[in-house]
Amino acid sequence: MIGYLTGKIISKKPTQLLVDVNGVGYLVNISINTFENIPEDKSTVSLYTYLSVREDALTLYGFLTTSEKEMFEKLISVSGIGPKLAQSILSGIQVGDLKEALQFGDKSRIIAVPGVGKKTADRLIIELKDKVDSISTDGESLSSEAFGIKSDTVNALLALGYNKKTAESAVRKILECSPDLTLEELIKKALSEITG
């Protein structure tokens, strides 16, 4: 079992890395979020890995953080969720946001991920709601009130024409520094963050 690897990046695509580890090239599937968090100028990478064993294939999945790997393992433990769909889910939503959506039963945020329908979102919430507490994310989990403010702020930014990824990224960045803002303050700061 391969649990971790460090090596030189030979090629880099949004969902795949080819990593040279002492002369052996590992083809590692990654989420788009992992891809975006690998600096452009970085020539080496360290990844936590999960080896998926099927009758016809051995597939290696890579993660920059243990929290992303833990979430991946929780996702594939759900009936009907395979490694490819789990990778797709982690490409469409950050680990911290997915954890919050599962804990608070926010089906709309989960359905927004391509490939996830209402039934799958319901199954994910039912099966993982109480199991994701152990996953430590960079930011602290939000209270239901703070979660509502975050969600309302993102929706306000979407209504103003900003895309979801930009809105969520700006709101997350602000909440990491100032978690106790009111809705109005958060919207103002998020707009400032986005417009520079």
C-alpha atoms as a PDB file:
ATOM      1  CA  MET A   1       0.000   0.000   0.000  1.00  0.00           C
ATOM      2  CA  ILE A   2       1.322   3.436  -0.939  1.00  0.00           C
ATOM      3  CA  GLY A   3       0.304   5.976   1.713  1.00  0.00           C
ATOM      4  CA  TYR A   4       2.553   8.943   0.936  1.00  0.00           C
ATOM      5  CA  LEU A   5       4.988   9.977  -1.760  1.00  0.00           C
ATOM      6  CA  THR A   6       7.368  12.824  -2.484  1.00  0.00           C
ATOM      7  CA  GLY A   7       8.858  13.395  -5.889  1.00  0.00           C
ATOM      8  CA  LYS A   8       9.543  15.568  -8.885  1.00  0.00           C
ATOM      9  CA  ILE A   9       6.575  16.729 -10.961  1.00  0.00           C
ATOM     10  CA  ILE A  10       7.049  15.447 -14.521  1.00  0.00           C
ATOM     11  CA  SER A  11       3.685  16.588 -15.869  1.00  0.00           C
ATOM     12  CA  LYS A  12       0.728  18.360 -14.336  1.00  0.00           C
ATOM     13  CA  LYS A  13      -2.903  18.361 -15.521  1.00  0.00           C
ATOM     14  CA  PRO A  14      -5.971  19.603 -13.616  1.00  0.00           C
ATOM     15  CA  THR A  15      -6.892  16.084 -12.482  1.00  0.00           C
ATOM     16  CA  GLN A  16      -3.595  14.214 -12.784  1.00  0.00           C
ATOM     17  CA  LEU A  17       0.063  14.438 -11.855  1.00  0.00           C
ATOM     18  CA  LEU A  18       2.950  12.329 -13.070  1.00  0.00           C
ATOM     19  CA  VAL A  19       5.425  12.224 -10.184  1.00  0.00           C
ATOM     20  CA  ASP A  20       8.960  10.806 -10.457  1.00  0.00           C
ATOM     21  CA  VAL A  21       9.942   9.126  -7.183  1.00  0.00           C
ATOM     22  CA  ASN A  22      13.525   7.844  -7.475  1.00  0.00           C
ATOM     23  CA  GLY A  23      13.141   6.925 -11.141  1.00  0.00           C
ATOM     24  CA  VAL A  24       9.636   5.459 -10.889  1.00  0.00           C
ATOM     25  CA  GLY A  25       6.820   7.529 -12.401  1.00  0.00           C
ATOM     26  CA  TYR A  26       3.564   7.457 -10.437  1.00  0.00           C
ATOM     27  CA  LEU A  27       0.405   8.587 -12.217  1.00  0.00           C
ATOM     28  CA  VAL A  28      -1.633  10.205  -9.438  1.00  0.00           C
ATOM     29  CA  ASN A  29      -5.248  11.353  -9.802  1.00  0.00           C
ATOM     30  CA  ILE A  30      -5.910  14.608  -7.948  1.00  0.00           C
ATOM     31  CA  SER A  31      -8.847  16.945  -7.376  1.00  0.00           C
ATOM     32  CA  ILE A  32      -8.925  20.316  -9.089  1.00  0.00           C
ATOM     33  CA  ASN A  33      -8.625  21.924  -5.628  1.00  0.00           C
ATOM     34  CA  THR A  34      -5.358  20.033  -5.069  1.00  0.00           C
ATOM     35  CA  PHE A  35      -4.160  21.087  -8.537  1.00  0.00           C
ATOM     36  CA  GLU A  36      -4.897  24.745  -7.779  1.00  0.00           C
ATOM     37  CA  ASN A  37      -3.019  24.572  -4.466  1.00  0.00           C
ATOM     38  CA  ILE A  38       0.227  23.338  -6.019  1.00  0.00           C
ATOM     39  CA  PRO A  39       2.273  26.479  -6.765  1.00  0.00           C
ATOM     40  CA  GLU A  40       3.100  27.007 -10.459  1.00  0.00           C
ATOM     41  CA  ASP A  41       6.828  27.284  -9.787  1.00  0.00           C
ATOM     42  CA  LYS A  42       6.989  24.169  -7.618  1.00  0.00           C
ATOM     43  CA  SER A  43       8.958  21.291  -9.144  1.00  0.00           C
ATOM     44  CA  THR A  44       8.459  18.764  -6.335  1.00  0.00           C
ATOM     45  CA  VAL A  45       5.355  17.655  -4.497  1.00  0.00           C
ATOM     46  CA  SER A  46       4.463  15.623  -1.415  1.00  0.00           C
ATOM     47  CA  LEU A  47       1.109  13.856  -1.445  1.00  0.00           C
ATOM     48  CA  TYR A  48      -0.888  11.636   0.869  1.00  0.00           C
ATOM     49  CA  THR A  49      -2.217   8.819  -1.272  1.00  0.00           C
ATOM     50  CA  TYR A  50      -5.030   6.309  -1.526  1.00  0.00           C
ATOM     51  CA  LEU A  51      -4.622   3.214  -3.706  1.00  0.00           C
ATOM     52  CA  SER A  52      -7.877   2.036  -5.278  1.00  0.00           C
ATOM     53  CA  VAL A  53      -7.735  -1.653  -6.177  1.00  0.00           C
ATOM     54  CA  ARG A  54     -10.173  -2.953  -8.785  1.00  0.00           C
ATOM     55  CA  GLU A  55     -10.160  -6.173 -10.803  1.00  0.00           C
ATOM     56  CA  ASP A  56      -8.896  -4.385 -13.898  1.00  0.00           C
ATOM     57  CA  ALA A  57      -6.951  -1.426 -12.469  1.00  0.00           C
ATOM     58  CA  LEU A  58      -4.809  -0.034  -9.675  1.00  0.00           C
ATOM     59  CA  THR A  59      -5.483   3.698  -9.388  1.00  0.00           C
ATOM     60  CA  LEU A  60      -3.580   6.097  -7.152  1.00  0.00           C
ATOM     61  CA  TYR A  61      -5.318   9.198  -5.756  1.00  0.00           C
ATOM     62  CA  GLY A  62      -3.283  12.026  -4.221  1.00  0.00           C
ATOM     63  CA  PHE A  63      -4.060  14.721  -1.660  1.00  0.00           C
ATOM     64  CA  LEU A  64      -2.069  17.688  -0.356  1.00  0.00           C
ATOM     65  CA  THR A  65      -3.698  17.509   3.078  1.00  0.00           C
ATOM     66  CA  THR A  66      -4.752  14.737   5.417  1.00  0.00           C
ATOM     67  CA  SER A  67      -8.176  16.385   5.714  1.00  0.00           C
ATOM     68  CA  GLU A  68      -8.786  15.994   1.970  1.00  0.00           C
ATOM     69  CA  LYS A  69      -7.706  12.343   2.116  1.00  0.00           C
ATOM     70  CA  GLU A  70      -9.940  11.689   5.142  1.00  0.00           C
ATOM     71  CA  MET A  71     -12.918  13.294   3.389  1.00  0.00           C
ATOM     72  CA  PHE A  72     -12.220  11.204   0.267  1.00  0.00           C
ATOM     73  CA  GLU A  73     -12.225   8.029   2.378  1.00  0.00           C
ATOM     74  CA  LYS A  74     -15.491   9.065   4.069  1.00  0.00           C
ATOM     75  CA  LEU A  75     -17.074   9.769   0.675  1.00  0.00           C
ATOM     76  CA  ILE A  76     -16.145   6.389  -0.818  1.00  0.00           C
ATOM     77  CA  SER A  77     -17.539   4.650   2.266  1.00  0.00           C
ATOM     78  CA  VAL A  78     -21.009   5.782   1.144  1.00  0.00           C
ATOM     79  CA  SER A  79     -22.914   3.300  -1.014  1.00  0.00           C
ATOM     80  CA  GLY A  80     -22.852   4.358  -4.667  1.00  0.00           C
ATOM     81  CA  ILE A  81     -19.880   6.735  -4.318  1.00  0.00           C
ATOM     82  CA  GLY A  82     -16.755   5.482  -6.051  1.00  0.00           C
ATOM     83  CA  PRO A  83     -13.296   7.057  -6.129  1.00  0.00           C
ATOM     84  CA  LYS A  84     -13.983   8.970  -9.374  1.00  0.00           C
ATOM     85  CA  LEU A  85     -17.160  10.591  -8.026  1.00  0.00           C
ATOM     86  CA  ALA A  86     -15.431  11.322  -4.700  1.00  0.00           C
ATOM     87  CA  GLN A  87     -12.602  13.028  -6.609  1.00  0.00           C
ATOM     88  CA  SER A  88     -15.174  14.963  -8.624  1.00  0.00           C
ATOM     89  CA  ILE A  89     -16.939  16.089  -5.431  1.00  0.00           C
ATOM     90  CA  LEU A  90     -13.637  17.273  -3.939  1.00  0.00           C
ATOM     91  CA  SER A  91     -12.936  19.131  -7.192  1.00  0.00           C
ATOM     92  CA  GLY A  92     -16.229  20.991  -6.925  1.00  0.00           C
ATOM     93  CA  ILE A  93     -16.188  21.999  -3.259  1.00  0.00           C
ATOM     94  CA  GLN A  94     -13.478  22.677  -0.662  1.00  0.00           C
ATOM     95  CA  VAL A  95     -13.152  20.164   2.194  1.00  0.00           C
ATOM     96  CA  GLY A  96     -14.167  22.705   4.859  1.00  0.00           C
ATOM     97  CA  ASP A  97     -17.223  23.772   2.872  1.00  0.00           C
ATOM     98  CA  LEU A  98     -18.241  20.160   2.229  1.00  0.00           C
ATOM     99  CA  LYS A  99     -17.864  19.346   5.915  1.00  0.00           C
ATOM    100  CA  GLU A 100     -20.105  22.298   6.852  1.00  0.00           C
ATOM    101  CA  ALA A 101     -22.680  21.410   4.187  1.00  0.00           C
ATOM    102  CA  LEU A 102     -22.832  17.814   5.458  1.00  0.00           C
ATOM    103  CA  GLN A 103     -23.049  18.835   9.119  1.00  0.00           C
ATOM    104  CA  PHE A 104     -25.790  21.407   8.538  1.00  0.00           C
ATOM    105  CA  GLY A 105     -27.661  19.397   5.895  1.00  0.00           C
ATOM    106  CA  ASP A 106     -27.168  22.032   3.177  1.00  0.00           C
ATOM    107  CA  LYS A 107     -28.261  19.894   0.229  1.00  0.00           C
ATOM    108  CA  SER A 108     -28.180  22.795  -2.272  1.00  0.00           C
ATOM    109  CA  ARG A 109     -24.407  23.253  -1.860  1.00  0.00           C
ATOM    110  CA  ILE A 110     -23.786  19.558  -2.413  1.00  0.00           C
ATOM    111  CA  ILE A 111     -26.103  19.372  -5.448  1.00  0.00           C
ATOM    112  CA  ALA A 112     -24.173  22.292  -6.994  1.00  0.00           C
ATOM    113  CA  VAL A 113     -21.270  19.867  -7.536  1.00  0.00           C
ATOM    114  CA  PRO A 114     -21.414  18.352 -11.057  1.00  0.00           C
ATOM    115  CA  GLY A 115     -22.417  14.680 -10.972  1.00  0.00           C
ATOM    116  CA  VAL A 116     -24.269  14.881  -7.650  1.00  0.00           C
ATOM    117  CA  GLY A 117     -28.064  14.707  -7.709  1.00  0.00           C
ATOM    118  CA  LYS A 118     -30.660  15.056  -4.956  1.00  0.00           C
ATOM    119  CA  LYS A 119     -30.667  11.373  -3.997  1.00  0.00           C
ATOM    120  CA  THR A 120     -26.878  11.243  -3.774  1.00  0.00           C
ATOM    121  CA  ALA A 121     -26.802  14.461  -1.731  1.00  0.00           C
ATOM    122  CA  ASP A 122     -29.439  13.055   0.641  1.00  0.00           C
ATOM    123  CA  ARG A 123     -27.461   9.828   1.032  1.00  0.00           C
ATOM    124  CA  LEU A 124     -24.231  11.747   1.700  1.00  0.00           C
ATOM    125  CA  ILE A 125     -25.891  13.902   4.366  1.00  0.00           C
ATOM    126  CA  ILE A 126     -27.608  10.957   6.068  1.00  0.00           C
ATOM    127  CA  GLU A 127     -24.514   8.751   6.117  1.00  0.00           C
ATOM    128  CA  LEU A 128     -21.802  11.343   6.801  1.00  0.00           C
ATOM    129  CA  LYS A 129     -23.463  14.045   8.911  1.00  0.00           C
ATOM    130  CA  ASP A 130     -22.093  12.623  12.170  1.00  0.00           C
ATOM    131  CA  LYS A 131     -18.927  11.093  10.709  1.00  0.00           C
ATOM    132  CA  VAL A 132     -17.156  14.214   9.441  1.00  0.00           C
ATOM    133  CA  ASP A 133     -16.623  15.790  12.884  1.00  0.00           C
ATOM    134  CA  SER A 134     -13.256  14.057  13.169  1.00  0.00           C
ATOM    135  CA  ILE A 135     -11.960  15.680   9.974  1.00  0.00           C
ATOM    136  CA  SER A 136      -9.885  18.663  10.956  1.00  0.00           C
ATOM    137  CA  THR A 137     -10.008  21.510   8.468  1.00  0.00           C
ATOM    138  CA  ASP A 138      -7.890  24.654   8.347  1.00  0.00           C
ATOM    139  CA  GLY A 139     -10.685  26.868   9.633  1.00  0.00           C
ATOM    140  CA  GLU A 140     -12.878  26.044  12.600  1.00  0.00           C
ATOM    141  CA  SER A 141     -16.343  24.675  11.999  1.00  0.00           C
ATOM    142  CA  LEU A 142     -18.941  27.400  12.006  1.00  0.00           C
ATOM    143  CA  SER A 143     -21.948  27.593  14.271  1.00  0.00           C
ATOM    144  CA  SER A 144     -25.294  27.282  12.487  1.00  0.00           C
ATOM    145  CA  GLU A 145     -25.751  31.074  12.758  1.00  0.00           C
ATOM    146  CA  ALA A 146     -22.294  31.793  11.293  1.00  0.00           C
ATOM    147  CA  PHE A 147     -22.898  29.172   8.612  1.00  0.00           C
ATOM    148  CA  GLY A 148     -26.138  30.969   7.676  1.00  0.00           C
ATOM    149  CA  ILE A 149     -24.311  34.307   7.431  1.00  0.00           C
ATOM    150  CA  LYS A 150     -21.613  32.739   5.258  1.00  0.00           C
ATOM    151  CA  SER A 151     -24.222  31.137   3.011  1.00  0.00           C
ATOM    152  CA  ASP A 152     -26.249  34.376   2.776  1.00  0.00           C
ATOM    153  CA  THR A 153     -23.115  36.344   1.880  1.00  0.00           C
ATOM    154  CA  VAL A 154     -22.189  33.919  -0.896  1.00  0.00           C
ATOM    155  CA  ASN A 155     -25.765  34.086  -2.233  1.00  0.00           C
ATOM    156  CA  ALA A 156     -25.662  37.903  -2.162  1.00  0.00           C
ATOM    157  CA  LEU A 157     -22.409  37.897  -4.148  1.00  0.00           C
ATOM    158  CA  LEU A 158     -23.901  35.436  -6.650  1.00  0.00           C
ATOM    159  CA  ALA A 159     -26.891  37.776  -7.059  1.00  0.00           C
ATOM    160  CA  LEU A 160     -24.439  40.595  -7.821  1.00  0.00           C
ATOM    161  CA  GLY A 161     -23.001  38.533 -10.676  1.00  0.00           C
ATOM    162  CA  TYR A 162     -19.856  37.065  -9.128  1.00  0.00           C
ATOM    163  CA  ASN A 163     -19.125  33.385  -9.708  1.00  0.00           C
ATOM    164  CA  LYS A 164     -19.561  30.895  -6.880  1.00  0.00           C
ATOM    165  CA  LYS A 165     -15.899  29.909  -6.566  1.00  0.00           C
ATOM    166  CA  THR A 166     -14.739  33.540  -6.313  1.00  0.00           C
ATOM    167  CA  ALA A 167     -17.475  34.349  -3.794  1.00  0.00           C
ATOM    168  CA  GLU A 168     -16.775  31.318  -1.581  1.00  0.00           C
ATOM    169  CA  SER A 169     -13.028  31.909  -1.687  1.00  0.00           C
ATOM    170  CA  ALA A 170     -13.372  35.580  -0.661  1.00  0.00           C
ATOM    171  CA  VAL A 171     -15.820  34.794   2.158  1.00  0.00           C
ATOM    172  CA  ARG A 172     -13.667  31.928   3.478  1.00  0.00           C
ATOM    173  CA  LYS A 173     -10.558  34.130   3.482  1.00  0.00           C
ATOM    174  CA  ILE A 174     -12.315  36.887   5.453  1.00  0.00           C
ATOM    175  CA  LEU A 175     -13.893  34.490   7.967  1.00  0.00           C
ATOM    176  CA  GLU A 176     -10.494  32.952   8.733  1.00  0.00           C
ATOM    177  CA  CYS A 177      -9.310  36.364   9.982  1.00  0.00           C
ATOM    178  CA  SER A 178     -12.596  37.788  11.298  1.00  0.00           C
ATOM    179  CA  PRO A 179     -15.117  35.047  12.177  1.00  0.00           C
ATOM    180  CA  ASP A 180     -17.522  37.300  14.137  1.00  0.00           C
ATOM    181  CA  LEU A 181     -18.702  39.693  11.412  1.00  0.00           C
ATOM    182  CA  THR A 182     -22.340  40.571  10.789  1.00  0.00           C
ATOM    183  CA  LEU A 183     -23.903  39.809   7.407  1.00  0.00           C
ATOM    184  CA  GLU A 184     -23.555  43.419   6.237  1.00  0.00           C
ATOM    185  CA  GLU A 185     -19.904  43.660   7.327  1.00  0.00           C
ATOM    186  CA  LEU A 186     -19.076  40.361   5.672  1.00  0.00           C
ATOM    187  CA  ILE A 187     -20.692  41.386   2.371  1.00  0.00           C
ATOM    188  CA  LYS A 188     -18.783  44.707   2.360  1.00  0.00           C
ATOM    189  CA  LYS A 189     -15.453  43.043   3.151  1.00  0.00           C
ATOM    190  CA  ALA A 190     -16.083  40.296   0.572  1.00  0.00           C
ATOM    191  CA  LEU A 191     -16.801  42.900  -2.112  1.00  0.00           C
ATOM    192  CA  SER A 192     -13.574  44.708  -1.184  1.00  0.00           C
ATOM    193  CA  GLU A 193     -11.660  41.425  -1.314  1.00  0.00           C
ATOM    194  CA  ILE A 194     -13.021  40.541  -4.766  1.00  0.00           C
ATOM    195  CA  THR A 195     -12.621  43.983  -6.334  1.00  0.00           C
ATOM    196  CA  GLY A 196      -9.193  44.461  -4.774  1.00  0.00           C
END
